[in-house]
Structure formats: C-alpha cells, structure tokens
Amino acid sequence: MLAARDVHAFYGKSHILHGVSLEVRAGEVVGLLGRNGVGKSTTLKTIMGLVRPARGAIVFDGRDVTGVATHRLARLGLAWVPEDRRIFPSLSVWENLRTGLDRAGVGHAKRADLLEKVFRYFPLLAERRYQAGRTLSGGEQQMLAIARAMMLEPKIILLDEPTEGLMPRMVGQIREIIETLRQDGVAILLVEQSVPLTLAVSARVYIMEKGVVRHEAPAPALRADDAVIRRYLGV
C-alpha cells in the first residue's frame, strides 16, 4: 500500500532523515516509535508531500508519488492527521467535516452517507455538530481531525501523536477508533509517544533513531521481550 524507500530529507541545511525505509500493507496498522526529535513527524510530512525528499522514493498503491502535491495525494486516498490537529477553530464541526466533502464526484447522497458513518463512529461530534471547533475539548478536536480525514475515504491515514495531551479516558477512545478503522480496512501509519498503545494496536513496529529506522519487529514480539524498547526508548 505505502512504501518509503531510502528517503533523505532536509530542513534547510539540517539533514533530518538519513535513508528512511518502511512499508505499510493494505489494512495494516504500523507503529513508528522513537524519542523526540528523531524524525518521526518529518517522515509523515515527507510521505504526505509537505517536505520534499532530497533522495529516495515514496510509493503509494503501486505508484511512485515522490514530489506529488499534497492535495493530489489526498485525492488518491492518502490522509494525514497532524500532531496539532489543525481544525478550523471558527468553523462548526459540520463545516470542518464539509471541507473533506466538497470535492468532485461526491453528490448529495454520498455526502449524507459519509456524514452518517462518521457520526456513527463519533456520536459526540453529532451532538456538537453546530459548535465552533475552538469550543471543543482537546479529545473532541482530535476526534474531529480524524473524522475530517475520514471524509476523504482514505486507503491509509498518517496519524501523528493522536493521544498527546489527552486524558486517559480519551486515550482509550482513540484506541477504539484506530481498531474500528482497521476493521474497516483502512491502513494506518501511527506515530505515537505511548509505547503501550502503539504495541496494542499495531501489527508491526518500526523504531527510529537519529533519522534512521534502526529496528523493525512484529508488535507481539516487542510486547513479549521489551529489551529493544528499553534500548532505543529508555522505557
């Protein structure tokens, strides 16, 4: 479904990614772990076309999409939920969701179906549909960011730090949402500081260090033997 192959990326003269390679299969949840500042978010931004790789390739659904504009990637089925959510604070919940519906090929019936599906996933958003985004709690804003991505009917979602700053109860809800998306066949590349959550929801996990993928393993293997986690993450 998605592959990054020997990707190098820079911010100005700073070399951030030093040959990152990873892949996500159709319908699979894959975790990307690492300490702060090792390049995890930059990896997602590079895949999403927000950072242009200096070398290497991004392949999505069998097509080389290196350098393809972000909005075109979204139309192909690649969605991104950024760390800071980036909802529109002055727009209502419904208006935020509509930003993912106003596109070619989505008629009235299709819009109604997508909204019904999202409100079934997120009943709280249905209750808040006329509230401005800025009035939502952090957890509700995270739900809205994920729901807005779902409006695009993505094949894969790049999910960056979805539980950051959330209460434990909301963390549990995010875990349920990830599992529901997986059951619906949506692949997820998950960047997350919570190691227990990542190991619980992922099939496989990559661990980054200093802009390089240092280790890859099935999540059950890391749960059974956490020596690798302690080595690279110190937890």
Protein backbone atom coordinates (compact mmCIF):
# COMPACT_ATOMS: atom_id res chain seq x y z
CA MET A 1 0.00 0.00 0.00
CA LEU A 2 2.68 2.51 1.06
CA ALA A 3 6.46 2.38 0.99
CA ALA A 4 9.23 4.84 1.76
CA ARG A 5 12.50 3.78 0.16
CA ASP A 6 15.84 5.22 1.29
CA VAL A 7 14.29 8.63 1.94
CA HIS A 8 16.55 11.55 2.82
CA ALA A 9 15.10 14.91 3.82
CA PHE A 10 16.44 18.25 4.97
CA TYR A 11 15.18 21.35 6.76
CA GLY A 12 17.43 23.95 5.22
CA LYS A 13 20.94 22.58 5.72
CA SER A 14 19.89 20.24 8.54
CA HIS A 15 19.86 16.62 7.40
CA ILE A 16 16.83 15.13 9.21
CA LEU A 17 16.07 11.82 7.50
CA HIS A 18 19.07 9.64 6.64
CA GLY A 19 17.67 6.93 4.38
CA VAL A 20 14.34 6.01 5.97
CA SER A 21 12.72 2.86 4.59
CA LEU A 22 9.41 1.42 5.76
CA GLU A 23 6.20 -0.03 4.40
CA VAL A 24 2.56 -0.36 5.34
CA ARG A 25 0.41 -3.09 3.83
CA ALA A 26 -3.25 -2.74 2.94
CA GLY A 27 -5.45 -2.64 6.04
CA GLU A 28 -2.47 -2.81 8.40
CA VAL A 29 -1.70 -0.65 11.43
CA VAL A 30 2.03 0.05 11.68
CA GLY A 31 3.63 1.93 14.56
CA LEU A 32 6.58 4.31 14.27
CA LEU A 33 8.35 4.81 17.60
CA GLY A 34 11.35 6.83 18.68
CA ARG A 35 12.48 9.54 21.05
CA ASN A 36 11.51 13.15 20.41
CA GLY A 37 13.37 14.76 17.53
CA VAL A 38 14.42 11.62 15.67
CA GLY A 39 12.40 12.41 12.54
CA LYS A 40 9.08 10.62 13.00
CA SER A 41 6.85 13.57 12.16
CA THR A 42 9.19 14.58 9.34
CA THR A 43 8.77 11.09 7.91
CA LEU A 44 4.99 11.57 7.80
CA LYS A 45 5.31 15.05 6.31
CA THR A 46 7.67 13.75 3.64
CA ILE A 47 5.29 10.94 2.73
CA MET A 48 2.46 13.49 2.56
CA GLY A 49 4.40 15.76 0.22
CA LEU A 50 4.84 18.58 2.73
CA VAL A 51 8.61 18.02 2.79
CA ARG A 52 10.26 17.17 -0.50
CA PRO A 53 12.77 14.31 -0.22
CA ALA A 54 16.29 15.08 -1.37
CA ARG A 55 16.76 11.44 -2.28
CA GLY A 56 14.71 8.27 -2.23
CA ALA A 57 11.16 7.44 -3.26
CA ILE A 58 7.62 7.34 -1.90
CA VAL A 59 5.41 4.67 -3.46
CA PHE A 60 1.67 4.62 -2.82
CA ASP A 61 -0.69 1.95 -4.11
CA GLY A 62 1.84 0.81 -6.70
CA ARG A 63 2.59 4.33 -7.98
CA ASP A 64 5.68 6.46 -7.45
CA VAL A 65 4.30 9.61 -5.85
CA THR A 66 7.60 11.26 -4.93
CA GLY A 67 7.13 15.00 -5.26
CA VAL A 68 3.38 14.80 -5.94
CA ALA A 69 1.48 17.73 -4.41
CA THR A 70 -0.23 17.12 -1.08
CA HIS A 71 -3.76 17.82 -2.35
CA ARG A 72 -3.27 15.32 -5.16
CA LEU A 73 -2.11 12.67 -2.68
CA ALA A 74 -5.27 13.30 -0.65
CA ARG A 75 -7.37 12.65 -3.75
CA LEU A 76 -5.51 9.37 -4.28
CA GLY A 77 -6.52 8.18 -0.81
CA LEU A 78 -3.68 9.29 1.46
CA ALA A 79 -4.85 11.23 4.54
CA TRP A 80 -2.87 12.98 7.27
CA VAL A 81 -3.92 13.88 10.80
CA PRO A 82 -1.20 16.22 12.10
CA GLU A 83 0.07 16.42 15.63
CA ASP A 84 -1.54 19.83 16.21
CA ARG A 85 -4.87 18.68 14.61
CA ARG A 86 -5.28 21.87 12.56
CA ILE A 87 -9.03 22.01 12.66
CA PHE A 88 -10.62 25.30 11.63
CA PRO A 89 -11.39 26.92 15.02
CA SER A 90 -14.01 29.38 13.78
CA LEU A 91 -15.91 26.78 11.74
CA SER A 92 -18.50 24.45 13.24
CA VAL A 93 -17.95 20.72 13.49
CA TRP A 94 -20.21 20.22 10.47
CA GLU A 95 -18.34 22.87 8.46
CA ASN A 96 -14.99 21.29 9.34
CA LEU A 97 -16.26 17.96 8.06
CA ARG A 98 -17.64 19.56 4.92
CA THR A 99 -14.12 20.64 3.90
CA GLY A 100 -13.50 16.99 3.10
CA LEU A 101 -16.79 16.58 1.23
CA ASP A 102 -16.67 19.48 -1.21
CA ARG A 103 -14.87 17.62 -3.98
CA ALA A 104 -15.64 16.24 -7.41
CA GLY A 105 -17.67 13.05 -7.55
CA VAL A 106 -19.30 13.42 -4.14
CA GLY A 107 -23.02 14.01 -4.60
CA HIS A 108 -25.70 14.73 -2.03
CA ALA A 109 -26.41 11.06 -1.28
CA LYS A 110 -22.72 10.26 -0.86
CA ARG A 111 -22.23 13.20 1.49
CA ALA A 112 -25.15 12.06 3.61
CA ASP A 113 -23.74 8.52 3.79
CA LEU A 114 -20.27 9.71 4.82
CA LEU A 115 -21.64 12.05 7.48
CA GLU A 116 -23.89 9.32 8.85
CA LYS A 117 -20.93 6.95 9.05
CA VAL A 118 -18.73 9.48 10.84
CA PHE A 119 -21.44 10.44 13.31
CA ARG A 120 -21.97 6.73 14.00
CA TYR A 121 -18.25 6.45 14.80
CA PHE A 122 -18.24 9.69 16.77
CA PRO A 123 -21.68 10.25 18.34
CA LEU A 124 -20.23 13.09 20.41
CA LEU A 125 -19.49 15.00 17.22
CA ALA A 126 -23.09 14.56 16.13
CA GLU A 127 -24.16 16.23 19.36
CA ARG A 128 -21.64 19.04 18.80
CA ARG A 129 -22.19 19.47 15.06
CA TYR A 130 -23.09 23.17 15.31
CA GLN A 131 -20.39 24.08 17.83
CA ALA A 132 -17.30 26.00 16.73
CA GLY A 133 -14.13 23.95 16.66
CA ARG A 134 -12.46 26.19 19.23
CA THR A 135 -15.09 25.29 21.84
CA LEU A 136 -14.29 21.57 21.73
CA SER A 137 -12.05 19.85 24.25
CA GLY A 138 -8.67 18.50 23.14
CA GLY A 139 -10.05 15.00 22.79
CA GLU A 140 -13.06 16.21 20.81
CA GLN A 141 -10.80 18.20 18.50
CA GLN A 142 -8.73 15.06 17.91
CA MET A 143 -11.90 13.14 17.05
CA LEU A 144 -12.85 15.91 14.63
CA ALA A 145 -9.43 15.83 12.97
CA ILE A 146 -9.71 12.07 12.42
CA ALA A 147 -13.33 12.37 11.27
CA ARG A 148 -12.38 15.07 8.76
CA ALA A 149 -9.71 12.76 7.33
CA MET A 150 -12.32 10.01 7.02
CA MET A 151 -14.41 12.27 4.79
CA LEU A 152 -11.80 11.64 2.08
CA GLU A 153 -12.46 7.86 2.24
CA PRO A 154 -8.72 7.25 2.58
CA LYS A 155 -6.92 3.99 1.96
CA ILE A 156 -4.39 4.96 4.61
CA ILE A 157 -4.21 7.56 7.38
CA LEU A 158 -0.95 9.02 8.67
CA LEU A 159 -1.76 9.59 12.34
CA ASP A 160 0.66 11.82 14.24
CA GLU A 161 0.58 11.79 18.06
CA PRO A 162 -3.20 11.33 18.39
CA THR A 163 -3.19 10.98 22.19
CA GLU A 164 -0.88 13.89 23.04
CA GLY A 165 -2.30 15.86 25.96
CA LEU A 166 -5.43 13.72 26.29
CA MET A 167 -6.94 12.31 29.46
CA PRO A 168 -6.73 8.51 29.93
CA ARG A 169 -10.42 8.10 29.10
CA MET A 170 -9.92 9.82 25.75
CA VAL A 171 -6.82 7.74 25.05
CA GLY A 172 -8.99 4.65 25.32
CA GLN A 173 -11.44 6.12 22.82
CA ILE A 174 -8.65 6.87 20.34
CA ARG A 175 -7.52 3.26 20.65
CA GLU A 176 -11.06 2.10 19.85
CA ILE A 177 -11.21 4.42 16.84
CA ILE A 178 -7.94 3.02 15.46
CA GLU A 179 -9.25 -0.52 15.87
CA THR A 180 -12.53 0.37 14.15
CA LEU A 181 -10.70 1.93 11.21
CA ARG A 182 -8.54 -1.17 10.90
CA GLN A 183 -11.62 -3.38 10.85
CA ASP A 184 -12.98 -1.21 8.04
CA GLY A 185 -9.85 -1.89 6.02
CA VAL A 186 -8.15 1.50 6.49
CA ALA A 187 -4.39 1.21 6.89
CA ILE A 188 -2.71 3.44 9.49
CA LEU A 189 0.86 4.61 9.98
CA LEU A 190 0.89 5.67 13.63
CA VAL A 191 3.41 7.99 15.26
CA GLU A 192 2.76 7.90 19.00
CA GLN A 193 4.70 8.52 22.22
CA SER A 194 2.61 5.98 24.14
CA VAL A 195 4.50 2.73 23.71
CA PRO A 196 1.75 0.56 25.29
CA LEU A 197 -0.88 1.99 22.94
CA THR A 198 1.35 1.56 19.89
CA LEU A 199 2.16 -2.05 20.74
CA ALA A 200 -1.51 -2.79 21.47
CA VAL A 201 -2.92 -1.55 18.15
CA SER A 202 -0.08 -2.23 15.70
CA ALA A 203 0.75 -5.34 13.72
CA ARG A 204 4.35 -4.23 13.20
CA VAL A 205 6.54 -1.51 14.66
CA TYR A 206 9.48 0.47 13.33
CA ILE A 207 11.84 2.20 15.75
CA MET A 208 13.74 5.31 14.64
CA GLU A 209 16.92 6.81 15.98
CA LYS A 210 18.66 9.92 14.61
CA GLY A 211 16.74 9.94 11.35
CA VAL A 212 17.20 6.24 10.60
CA VAL A 213 15.00 3.19 11.10
CA ARG A 214 17.07 1.05 13.45
CA HIS A 215 14.69 -1.81 14.16
CA GLU A 216 11.56 -3.47 12.81
CA ALA A 217 9.59 -6.21 14.56
CA PRO A 218 6.09 -7.61 14.98
CA ALA A 219 4.36 -5.83 17.85
CA PRO A 220 3.72 -9.12 19.75
CA ALA A 221 7.47 -9.83 19.75
CA LEU A 222 8.18 -6.44 21.33
CA ARG A 223 5.44 -6.98 23.91
CA ALA A 224 6.95 -10.34 24.85
CA ASP A 225 10.52 -9.03 25.06
CA ASP A 226 10.89 -5.30 25.71
CA ALA A 227 14.70 -5.21 25.63
CA VAL A 228 14.65 -3.41 22.26
CA ILE A 229 12.15 -0.86 23.59
CA ARG A 230 14.39 -0.17 26.61
CA ARG A 231 17.45 0.13 24.38
CA TYR A 232 16.05 2.71 21.98
CA LEU A 233 13.41 4.45 24.07
CA GLY A 234 14.64 4.01 27.62
CA VAL A 235 11.22 2.88 28.92
